[in-house]
């Protein structure tokens, strides 16, 4: 949203917004999350966490049987 009508609400002081540090918690977030992004074509096959987890468990079980 980048237009001339955008204004900062009164309850958000401008000096508070300007004092922020971009990416301040990025490293901490990445270390504490287990989010994995999948490609759009795979998302069609695995639309949610349950589908991904089932597929991975089956894959691991098959690998363990063959070893």
PDB file of N, CA and C in Angstrom:
ATOM      1  N   UNK A   1       0.838  -1.183   0.000  1.00  0.00           N
ATOM      2  CA  UNK A   1       0.000   0.000   0.000  1.00  0.00           C
ATOM      3  C   UNK A   1       0.877   1.238   0.000  1.00  0.00           C
ATOM      4  N   UNK A   2       1.037   1.790  -1.109  1.00  0.00           N
ATOM      5  CA  UNK A   2       1.854   2.988  -1.184  1.00  0.00           C
ATOM      6  C   UNK A   2       1.102   4.021  -2.000  1.00  0.00           C
ATOM      7  N   UNK A   3       0.281   4.793  -1.301  1.00  0.00           N
ATOM      8  CA  UNK A   3      -0.411   5.860  -2.006  1.00  0.00           C
ATOM      9  C   UNK A   3      -0.401   7.112  -1.147  1.00  0.00           C
ATOM     10  N   UNK A   4      -0.786   8.225  -1.728  1.00  0.00           N
ATOM     11  CA  UNK A   4      -0.720   9.508  -1.033  1.00  0.00           C
ATOM     12  C   UNK A   4      -1.741   9.641   0.080  1.00  0.00           C
ATOM     13  N   UNK A   5      -2.736   8.753   0.133  1.00  0.00           N
ATOM     14  CA  UNK A   5      -3.772   8.839   1.150  1.00  0.00           C
ATOM     15  C   UNK A   5      -3.409   8.110   2.441  1.00  0.00           C
ATOM     16  N   UNK A   6      -2.327   7.332   2.428  1.00  0.00           N
ATOM     17  CA  UNK A   6      -1.916   6.617   3.634  1.00  0.00           C
ATOM     18  C   UNK A   6      -1.478   7.610   4.701  1.00  0.00           C
ATOM     19  N   UNK A   7      -1.998   7.432   5.889  1.00  0.00           N
ATOM     20  CA  UNK A   7      -1.585   8.281   7.011  1.00  0.00           C
ATOM     21  C   UNK A   7      -1.379   7.400   8.229  1.00  0.00           C
ATOM     22  N   UNK A   8      -0.542   7.861   9.119  1.00  0.00           N
ATOM     23  CA  UNK A   8      -0.264   7.142  10.345  1.00  0.00           C
ATOM     24  C   UNK A   8      -1.349   7.474  11.354  1.00  0.00           C
ATOM     25  N   UNK A   9      -1.914   6.463  11.976  1.00  0.00           N
ATOM     26  CA  UNK A   9      -2.949   6.701  12.981  1.00  0.00           C
ATOM     27  C   UNK A   9      -2.372   7.436  14.177  1.00  0.00           C
ATOM     28  N   UNK A  10      -3.192   8.209  14.827  1.00  0.00           N
ATOM     29  CA  UNK A  10      -2.738   9.010  15.970  1.00  0.00           C
ATOM     30  C   UNK A  10      -2.206   8.143  17.107  1.00  0.00           C
ATOM     31  N   UNK A  11      -2.756   6.942  17.274  1.00  0.00           N
ATOM     32  CA  UNK A  11      -2.310   6.080  18.366  1.00  0.00           C
ATOM     33  C   UNK A  11      -0.938   5.461  18.120  1.00  0.00           C
ATOM     34  N   UNK A  12      -0.387   5.628  16.915  1.00  0.00           N
ATOM     35  CA  UNK A  12       0.957   5.145  16.604  1.00  0.00           C
ATOM     36  C   UNK A  12       1.881   6.352  16.428  1.00  0.00           C
ATOM     37  N   UNK A  13       2.615   6.702  17.469  1.00  0.00           N
ATOM     38  CA  UNK A  13       3.495   7.870  17.369  1.00  0.00           C
ATOM     39  C   UNK A  13       4.561   7.674  16.286  1.00  0.00           C
ATOM     40  N   UNK A  14       4.756   8.671  15.478  1.00  0.00           N
ATOM     41  CA  UNK A  14       5.695   8.583  14.368  1.00  0.00           C
ATOM     42  C   UNK A  14       7.116   8.303  14.844  1.00  0.00           C
ATOM     43  N   UNK A  15       7.522   8.892  15.962  1.00  0.00           N
ATOM     44  CA  UNK A  15       8.884   8.662  16.454  1.00  0.00           C
ATOM     45  C   UNK A  15       9.094   7.207  16.886  1.00  0.00           C
ATOM     46  N   UNK A  16       8.046   6.545  17.357  1.00  0.00           N
ATOM     47  CA  UNK A  16       8.141   5.138  17.727  1.00  0.00           C
ATOM     48  C   UNK A  16       8.353   4.281  16.484  1.00  0.00           C
ATOM     49  N   UNK A  17       7.630   4.570  15.436  1.00  0.00           N
ATOM     50  CA  UNK A  17       7.748   3.823  14.194  1.00  0.00           C
ATOM     51  C   UNK A  17       9.141   4.000  13.595  1.00  0.00           C
ATOM     52  N   UNK A  18       9.648   5.198  13.591  1.00  0.00           N
ATOM     53  CA  UNK A  18      10.953   5.481  12.996  1.00  0.00           C
ATOM     54  C   UNK A  18      12.098   4.886  13.798  1.00  0.00           C
ATOM     55  N   UNK A  19      11.878   4.607  15.084  1.00  0.00           N
ATOM     56  CA  UNK A  19      12.965   4.108  15.930  1.00  0.00           C
ATOM     57  C   UNK A  19      13.155   2.598  15.802  1.00  0.00           C
ATOM     58  N   UNK A  20      12.297   1.923  15.051  1.00  0.00           N
ATOM     59  CA  UNK A  20      12.394   0.476  14.899  1.00  0.00           C
ATOM     60  C   UNK A  20      13.623   0.058  14.113  1.00  0.00           C
ATOM     61  N   UNK A  21      14.056  -1.176  14.363  1.00  0.00           N
ATOM     62  CA  UNK A  21      15.203  -1.730  13.653  1.00  0.00           C
ATOM     63  C   UNK A  21      14.697  -2.875  12.793  1.00  0.00           C
ATOM     64  N   UNK A  22      14.856  -2.738  11.496  1.00  0.00           N
ATOM     65  CA  UNK A  22      14.368  -3.747  10.563  1.00  0.00           C
ATOM     66  C   UNK A  22      15.159  -5.046  10.728  1.00  0.00           C
ATOM     67  N   UNK A  23      14.447  -6.153  10.862  1.00  0.00           N
ATOM     68  CA  UNK A  23      15.082  -7.457  10.984  1.00  0.00           C
ATOM     69  C   UNK A  23      15.697  -7.741  12.343  1.00  0.00           C
ATOM     70  N   UNK A  24      15.313  -6.995  13.357  1.00  0.00           N
ATOM     71  CA  UNK A  24      15.908  -7.126  14.682  1.00  0.00           C
ATOM     72  C   UNK A  24      15.802  -8.549  15.232  1.00  0.00           C
ATOM     73  N   UNK A  25      14.705  -9.225  14.985  1.00  0.00           N
ATOM     74  CA  UNK A  25      14.474 -10.555  15.541  1.00  0.00           C
ATOM     75  C   UNK A  25      14.550 -11.665  14.498  1.00  0.00           C
ATOM     76  N   UNK A  26      15.045 -11.374  13.317  1.00  0.00           N
ATOM     77  CA  UNK A  26      15.074 -12.358  12.239  1.00  0.00           C
ATOM     78  C   UNK A  26      15.870 -13.598  12.611  1.00  0.00           C
ATOM     79  N   UNK A  27      17.087 -13.414  13.113  1.00  0.00           N
ATOM     80  CA  UNK A  27      17.933 -14.551  13.461  1.00  0.00           C
ATOM     81  C   UNK A  27      17.280 -15.390  14.564  1.00  0.00           C
ATOM     82  N   UNK A  28      16.764 -14.724  15.577  1.00  0.00           N
ATOM     83  CA  UNK A  28      16.113 -15.420  16.692  1.00  0.00           C
ATOM     84  C   UNK A  28      14.898 -16.201  16.191  1.00  0.00           C
ATOM     85  N   UNK A  29      14.125 -15.611  15.312  1.00  0.00           N
ATOM     86  CA  UNK A  29      12.949 -16.276  14.754  1.00  0.00           C
ATOM     87  C   UNK A  29      13.341 -17.522  13.975  1.00  0.00           C
ATOM     88  N   UNK A  30      14.341 -17.391  13.128  1.00  0.00           N
ATOM     89  CA  UNK A  30      14.756 -18.517  12.287  1.00  0.00           C
ATOM     90  C   UNK A  30      15.294 -19.673  13.118  1.00  0.00           C
ATOM     91  N   UNK A  31      15.956 -19.362  14.226  1.00  0.00           N
ATOM     92  CA  UNK A  31      16.502 -20.417  15.067  1.00  0.00           C
ATOM     93  C   UNK A  31      15.414 -21.137  15.856  1.00  0.00           C
ATOM     94  N   UNK A  32      14.305 -20.462  16.099  1.00  0.00           N
ATOM     95  CA  UNK A  32      13.270 -21.032  16.943  1.00  0.00           C
ATOM     96  C   UNK A  32      12.039 -21.517  16.218  1.00  0.00           C
ATOM     97  N   UNK A  33      12.120 -21.686  14.927  1.00  0.00           N
ATOM     98  CA  UNK A  33      10.950 -22.124  14.183  1.00  0.00           C
ATOM     99  C   UNK A  33      11.275 -23.371  13.368  1.00  0.00           C
ATOM    100  N   UNK A  34      10.254 -24.116  13.056  1.00  0.00           N
ATOM    101  CA  UNK A  34      10.460 -25.295  12.225  1.00  0.00           C
ATOM    102  C   UNK A  34       9.635 -25.195  10.945  1.00  0.00           C
ATOM    103  N   UNK A  35       9.431 -24.002  10.497  1.00  0.00           N
ATOM    104  CA  UNK A  35       8.662 -23.763   9.274  1.00  0.00           C
ATOM    105  C   UNK A  35       9.524 -24.091   8.063  1.00  0.00           C
ATOM    106  N   UNK A  36       8.949 -24.829   7.130  1.00  0.00           N
ATOM    107  CA  UNK A  36       9.631 -25.186   5.895  1.00  0.00           C
ATOM    108  C   UNK A  36       8.735 -24.771   4.740  1.00  0.00           C
ATOM    109  N   UNK A  37       9.312 -24.119   3.760  1.00  0.00           N
ATOM    110  CA  UNK A  37       8.540 -23.710   2.588  1.00  0.00           C
ATOM    111  C   UNK A  37       8.677 -24.766   1.504  1.00  0.00           C
ATOM    112  N   UNK A  38       7.560 -25.111   0.890  1.00  0.00           N
ATOM    113  CA  UNK A  38       7.595 -26.075  -0.202  1.00  0.00           C
ATOM    114  C   UNK A  38       7.180 -25.380  -1.492  1.00  0.00           C
ATOM    115  N   UNK A  39       7.611 -25.944  -2.580  1.00  0.00           N
ATOM    116  CA  UNK A  39       7.318 -25.372  -3.891  1.00  0.00           C
ATOM    117  C   UNK A  39       5.825 -25.499  -4.206  1.00  0.00           C
ATOM    118  N   UNK A  40       5.297 -24.568  -5.021  1.00  0.00           N
ATOM    119  CA  UNK A  40       3.869 -24.576  -5.334  1.00  0.00           C
ATOM    120  C   UNK A  40       3.361 -25.893  -5.915  1.00  0.00           C
ATOM    121  N   UNK A  41       4.158 -26.565  -6.745  1.00  0.00           N
ATOM    122  CA  UNK A  41       3.690 -27.826  -7.330  1.00  0.00           C
ATOM    123  C   UNK A  41       3.543 -28.903  -6.257  1.00  0.00           C
ATOM    124  N   UNK A  42       4.404 -28.886  -5.239  1.00  0.00           N
ATOM    125  CA  UNK A  42       4.291 -29.843  -4.147  1.00  0.00           C
ATOM    126  C   UNK A  42       3.135 -29.492  -3.217  1.00  0.00           C
ATOM    127  N   UNK A  43       2.842 -28.216  -3.117  1.00  0.00           N
ATOM    128  CA  UNK A  43       1.737 -27.788  -2.262  1.00  0.00           C
ATOM    129  C   UNK A  43       0.407 -28.361  -2.739  1.00  0.00           C
ATOM    130  N   UNK A  44       0.298 -28.585  -4.038  1.00  0.00           N
ATOM    131  CA  UNK A  44      -0.920 -29.202  -4.570  1.00  0.00           C
ATOM    132  C   UNK A  44      -1.078 -30.625  -4.041  1.00  0.00           C
ATOM    133  N   UNK A  45       0.044 -31.328  -3.865  1.00  0.00           N
ATOM    134  CA  UNK A  45       0.017 -32.699  -3.361  1.00  0.00           C
ATOM    135  C   UNK A  45      -0.044 -32.764  -1.840  1.00  0.00           C
ATOM    136  N   UNK A  46       0.568 -31.791  -1.197  1.00  0.00           N
ATOM    137  CA  UNK A  46       0.655 -31.754   0.267  1.00  0.00           C
ATOM    138  C   UNK A  46       0.142 -30.399   0.755  1.00  0.00           C
ATOM    139  N   UNK A  47      -1.180 -30.238   0.844  1.00  0.00           N
ATOM    140  CA  UNK A  47      -1.761 -28.927   1.123  1.00  0.00           C
ATOM    141  C   UNK A  47      -1.653 -28.450   2.568  1.00  0.00           C
ATOM    142  N   UNK A  48      -1.297 -29.357   3.497  1.00  0.00           N
ATOM    143  CA  UNK A  48      -1.222 -28.928   4.891  1.00  0.00           C
ATOM    144  C   UNK A  48      -0.174 -29.735   5.655  1.00  0.00           C
ATOM    145  N   UNK A  49       0.054 -29.380   6.895  1.00  0.00           N
ATOM    146  CA  UNK A  49       1.075 -30.037   7.717  1.00  0.00           C
ATOM    147  C   UNK A  49       0.811 -31.520   7.883  1.00  0.00           C
ATOM    148  N   UNK A  50      -0.438 -31.890   8.050  1.00  0.00           N
ATOM    149  CA  UNK A  50      -0.764 -33.308   8.228  1.00  0.00           C
ATOM    150  C   UNK A  50      -0.347 -34.134   7.020  1.00  0.00           C
ATOM    151  N   UNK A  51      -0.609 -33.630   5.838  1.00  0.00           N
ATOM    152  CA  UNK A  51      -0.243 -34.354   4.616  1.00  0.00           C
ATOM    153  C   UNK A  51       1.272 -34.507   4.500  1.00  0.00           C
ATOM    154  N   UNK A  52       1.998 -33.458   4.823  1.00  0.00           N
ATOM    155  CA  UNK A  52       3.462 -33.506   4.770  1.00  0.00           C
ATOM    156  C   UNK A  52       3.988 -34.498   5.800  1.00  0.00           C
ATOM    157  N   UNK A  53       3.479 -34.430   7.016  1.00  0.00           N
ATOM    158  CA  UNK A  53       3.940 -35.325   8.079  1.00  0.00           C
ATOM    159  C   UNK A  53       3.663 -36.793   7.753  1.00  0.00           C
ATOM    160  N   UNK A  54       2.479 -37.085   7.216  1.00  0.00           N
ATOM    161  CA  UNK A  54       2.160 -38.464   6.828  1.00  0.00           C
ATOM    162  C   UNK A  54       3.140 -38.968   5.770  1.00  0.00           C
ATOM    163  N   UNK A  55       3.385 -38.152   4.765  1.00  0.00           N
ATOM    164  CA  UNK A  55       4.289 -38.553   3.686  1.00  0.00           C
ATOM    165  C   UNK A  55       5.706 -38.774   4.210  1.00  0.00           C
ATOM    166  N   UNK A  56       6.169 -37.904   5.065  1.00  0.00           N
ATOM    167  CA  UNK A  56       7.518 -38.062   5.610  1.00  0.00           C
ATOM    168  C   UNK A  56       7.631 -39.291   6.499  1.00  0.00           C
ATOM    169  N   UNK A  57       6.602 -39.567   7.283  1.00  0.00           N
ATOM    170  CA  UNK A  57       6.625 -40.759   8.132  1.00  0.00           C
ATOM    171  C   UNK A  57       6.635 -42.035   7.287  1.00  0.00           C
ATOM    172  N   UNK A  58       5.856 -42.050   6.215  1.00  0.00           N
ATOM    173  CA  UNK A  58       5.862 -43.204   5.319  1.00  0.00           C
ATOM    174  C   UNK A  58       7.228 -43.373   4.660  1.00  0.00           C
ATOM    175  N   UNK A  59       7.808 -42.275   4.246  1.00  0.00           N
ATOM    176  CA  UNK A  59       9.128 -42.314   3.617  1.00  0.00           C
ATOM    177  C   UNK A  59      10.172 -42.868   4.585  1.00  0.00           C
ATOM    178  N   UNK A  60      10.170 -42.383   5.808  1.00  0.00           N
ATOM    179  CA  UNK A  60      11.128 -42.846   6.817  1.00  0.00           C
ATOM    180  C   UNK A  60      10.903 -44.323   7.138  1.00  0.00           C
ATOM    181  N   UNK A  61       9.665 -44.731   7.258  1.00  0.00           N
ATOM    182  CA  UNK A  61       9.362 -46.138   7.543  1.00  0.00           C
ATOM    183  C   UNK A  61       9.857 -47.033   6.410  1.00  0.00           C
ATOM    184  N   UNK A  62       9.657 -46.621   5.161  1.00  0.00           N
ATOM    185  CA  UNK A  62      10.138 -47.404   4.023  1.00  0.00           C
ATOM    186  C   UNK A  62      11.655 -47.486   4.017  1.00  0.00           C
ATOM    187  N   UNK A  63      12.330 -46.390   4.341  1.00  0.00           N
ATOM    188  CA  UNK A  63      13.780 -46.365   4.374  1.00  0.00           C
ATOM    189  C   UNK A  63      14.317 -47.285   5.467  1.00  0.00           C
ATOM    190  N   UNK A  64      13.655 -47.308   6.607  1.00  0.00           N
ATOM    191  CA  UNK A  64      14.095 -48.151   7.712  1.00  0.00           C
ATOM    192  C   UNK A  64      13.923 -49.630   7.400  1.00  0.00           C
ATOM    193  N   UNK A  65      12.897 -49.958   6.633  1.00  0.00           N
ATOM    194  CA  UNK A  65      12.667 -51.355   6.252  1.00  0.00           C
ATOM    195  C   UNK A  65      13.700 -51.858   5.263  1.00  0.00           C
ATOM    196  N   UNK A  66      14.176 -50.970   4.414  1.00  0.00           N
ATOM    197  CA  UNK A  66      15.133 -51.380   3.377  1.00  0.00           C
ATOM    198  C   UNK A  66      16.571 -51.378   3.875  1.00  0.00           C
ATOM    199  N   UNK A  67      16.812 -50.823   5.028  1.00  0.00           N
ATOM    200  CA  UNK A  67      18.196 -50.783   5.564  1.00  0.00           C
ATOM    201  C   UNK A  67      18.462 -51.876   6.540  1.00  0.00           C
TER     202      UNK A  67
END
